[in-house]
Protein backbone atom coordinates (compact mmCIF):
# COMPACT_ATOMS: atom_id res chain seq x y z
CA MET A 1 138.82 162.89 73.38
CA PRO A 2 136.37 162.02 76.22
CA SER A 3 134.88 164.89 78.15
CA SER A 4 135.95 165.64 81.73
CA LYS A 5 132.50 164.61 82.89
CA THR A 6 132.95 161.20 81.15
CA LEU A 7 136.32 160.71 82.74
CA VAL A 8 134.93 161.53 86.18
CA LEU A 9 132.10 159.01 85.77
CA VAL A 10 134.54 156.34 84.56
CA GLY A 11 136.82 157.11 87.50
CA VAL A 12 133.93 157.00 90.02
CA GLY A 13 132.79 153.62 88.46
CA PHE A 14 136.31 152.16 88.82
CA VAL A 15 136.62 153.33 92.45
CA CYS A 16 133.27 151.69 93.22
CA MET A 17 134.34 148.54 91.60
CA LEU A 18 137.50 148.52 93.68
CA LEU A 19 135.54 149.23 96.92
CA LEU A 20 132.89 146.53 96.25
CA ALA A 21 135.42 143.83 95.11
CA PRO A 22 136.27 142.70 98.65
CA VAL A 23 132.61 142.40 99.48
CA ALA A 24 132.14 140.20 96.37
CA LEU A 25 135.13 138.16 97.15
CA PHE A 26 134.10 137.40 100.69
CA ALA A 27 130.37 137.20 100.20
CA GLN A 28 129.27 133.66 101.00
CA GLU A 29 126.68 131.62 102.64
CA TRP A 30 127.79 131.14 106.26
CA SER A 31 127.37 127.69 107.85
CA PRO A 32 125.16 127.41 111.03
CA ALA A 33 128.39 127.21 113.11
CA GLN A 34 129.77 130.32 111.57
CA LYS A 35 126.42 132.17 112.06
CA ASP A 36 126.42 131.12 115.75
CA VAL A 37 129.95 132.62 116.30
CA TRP A 38 128.99 135.82 114.34
CA LYS A 39 125.92 136.28 116.52
CA THR A 40 128.31 136.41 119.55
CA VAL A 41 130.39 139.10 117.75
CA GLU A 42 127.30 141.17 116.97
CA LYS A 43 125.90 140.92 120.59
CA MET A 44 129.25 141.95 122.01
CA TRP A 45 129.37 145.04 119.70
CA GLU A 46 125.71 145.87 120.59
CA LEU A 47 126.65 145.84 124.32
CA TYR A 48 129.84 147.81 123.64
CA GLY A 49 127.87 150.42 121.72
CA LYS A 50 125.54 150.84 124.68
CA GLY A 51 128.48 151.30 127.07
CA ASP A 52 127.61 147.95 128.85
CA VAL A 53 131.16 146.87 129.58
CA GLU A 54 130.04 144.14 131.99
CA GLY A 55 127.52 142.76 129.49
CA GLU A 56 130.26 142.65 126.85
CA LEU A 57 132.67 140.98 129.31
CA ALA A 58 130.03 138.22 129.97
CA TYR A 59 131.09 136.92 126.58
CA ALA A 60 134.84 137.07 127.47
CA ASP A 61 136.83 134.13 128.74
CA ASP A 62 138.71 134.77 132.03
CA GLU A 63 141.95 134.06 130.11
CA LEU A 64 141.24 136.88 127.62
CA SER A 65 144.38 138.33 125.97
CA LEU A 66 144.03 141.23 123.44
CA TRP A 67 146.66 143.17 121.66
CA LEU A 68 144.96 146.39 120.87
CA GLN A 69 146.19 149.01 118.50
CA GLY A 70 148.46 151.52 120.21
CA ALA A 71 148.92 149.25 123.34
CA PRO A 72 152.64 148.39 123.93
CA LEU A 73 151.63 144.97 125.28
CA PRO A 74 148.68 142.75 125.21
CA VAL A 75 145.93 143.36 127.83
CA ASP A 76 144.16 140.78 130.03
CA LYS A 77 140.49 140.83 131.10
CA ALA A 78 140.94 143.09 134.11
CA SER A 79 143.03 145.63 132.13
CA TYR A 80 140.39 145.51 129.30
CA ARG A 81 137.65 146.16 131.82
CA LYS A 82 139.56 149.14 133.19
CA TRP A 83 140.09 150.80 129.72
CA ALA A 84 136.66 149.93 128.29
CA THR A 85 134.93 151.32 131.34
CA TYR A 86 136.90 154.53 131.05
CA GLY A 87 136.16 154.58 127.21
CA SER A 88 132.46 154.06 127.87
CA LYS A 89 132.47 157.28 129.93
CA VAL A 90 134.41 159.49 127.50
CA GLU A 91 133.32 158.08 124.08
CA GLN A 92 129.94 157.57 122.55
CA THR A 93 129.18 155.21 119.68
CA ASP A 94 126.80 157.05 117.28
CA ILE A 95 126.50 154.34 114.57
CA TYR A 96 128.56 151.34 113.43
CA GLU A 97 128.39 148.56 110.90
CA LEU A 98 130.17 145.14 111.04
CA LYS A 99 131.23 143.31 107.97
CA PRO A 100 132.41 139.73 108.36
CA VAL A 101 135.32 138.73 106.09
CA ALA A 102 136.30 135.19 107.21
CA ILE A 103 135.06 132.90 109.98
CA LEU A 104 136.89 129.62 110.64
CA VAL A 105 135.14 127.36 113.17
CA PHE A 106 136.69 124.26 114.89
CA PRO A 107 135.00 122.29 117.59
CA GLU A 108 136.73 124.20 120.47
CA CYS A 109 137.69 127.47 118.86
CA ALA A 110 136.81 130.03 116.23
CA LEU A 111 138.77 132.71 114.38
CA VAL A 112 136.83 135.69 113.05
CA HIS A 113 138.25 138.37 110.70
CA TYR A 114 135.98 141.39 110.15
CA TYR A 115 135.70 145.15 109.72
CA ILE A 116 133.82 147.66 111.84
CA SER A 117 133.07 151.14 110.50
CA GLY A 118 131.37 153.78 112.56
CA VAL A 119 131.17 157.21 113.97
CA TRP A 120 132.39 157.80 117.53
CA LYS A 121 132.09 161.00 119.57
CA SER A 122 134.11 162.08 122.63
CA GLY A 123 131.50 164.49 124.13
CA PRO A 124 128.32 166.33 123.39
CA LEU A 125 129.92 169.09 121.30
CA ASP A 126 131.92 166.64 119.21
CA LYS A 127 130.60 166.15 115.71
CA GLY A 128 131.95 162.66 115.56
CA GLN A 129 134.91 160.92 113.97
CA PHE A 130 134.34 158.29 111.24
CA GLY A 131 136.71 155.35 111.23
CA THR A 132 137.14 151.75 109.97
CA THR A 133 139.07 149.09 111.91
CA ARG A 134 140.20 145.60 110.85
CA ILE A 135 139.69 143.12 113.66
CA THR A 136 140.71 139.53 114.25
CA ASP A 137 139.10 137.87 117.25
CA VAL A 138 139.49 134.31 118.67
CA TYR A 139 136.71 132.55 120.52
CA ARG A 140 136.68 129.48 122.74
CA ASN A 141 133.70 127.13 122.85
CA LYS A 142 132.87 126.38 126.48
CA GLY A 143 129.75 124.38 127.04
CA GLY A 144 128.15 125.46 123.78
CA LYS A 145 128.84 129.17 124.38
CA TRP A 146 131.33 131.14 122.41
CA LEU A 147 133.69 133.14 124.68
CA TRP A 148 136.08 135.87 123.44
CA ILE A 149 139.69 134.73 124.28
CA GLY A 150 141.91 136.87 122.12
CA GLY A 151 142.26 139.34 119.35
CA HIS A 152 143.99 142.18 117.63
CA ASN A 153 142.78 145.37 115.82
CA THR A 154 144.28 147.85 113.39
CA ASP A 155 142.69 151.03 112.13
CA VAL A 156 142.30 151.38 108.34
CA PRO A 157 144.05 154.70 107.32
CA GLN A 158 141.54 157.32 106.21
CA LYS A 159 142.50 159.10 102.93
């Protein structure tokens, strides 16, 4: 009969395999068009992390429509500006990491599925809350610039 230490090591190895399987499944070489769209996603999150709402919204189409987790209805650009501005005052992004899953690029639009994991704080005494969110964003190509036009996000339950 295997020792409890052996069983624990086998269990940890199995869990690691399960956690890394999605990465291996979606690991691929991105095309130049996919990389171009992904640069926009990264830049927007960089600006969001700094609390630069207007900088982030410079990458948003005027017809932006988002259905954010917990929102009863989709929000437009003006509503997103209001909530993101409030959030930038009460929440701080400590660290985050983006993981692309799938990027579909067409001449006029792109669909991006990805994860963000990070630690967010709601004040100087808050030690931070780790979380992971699944995100789907839609971009419109206007004059060679990718503009955010839609999306949806769902938190990944923490165990």
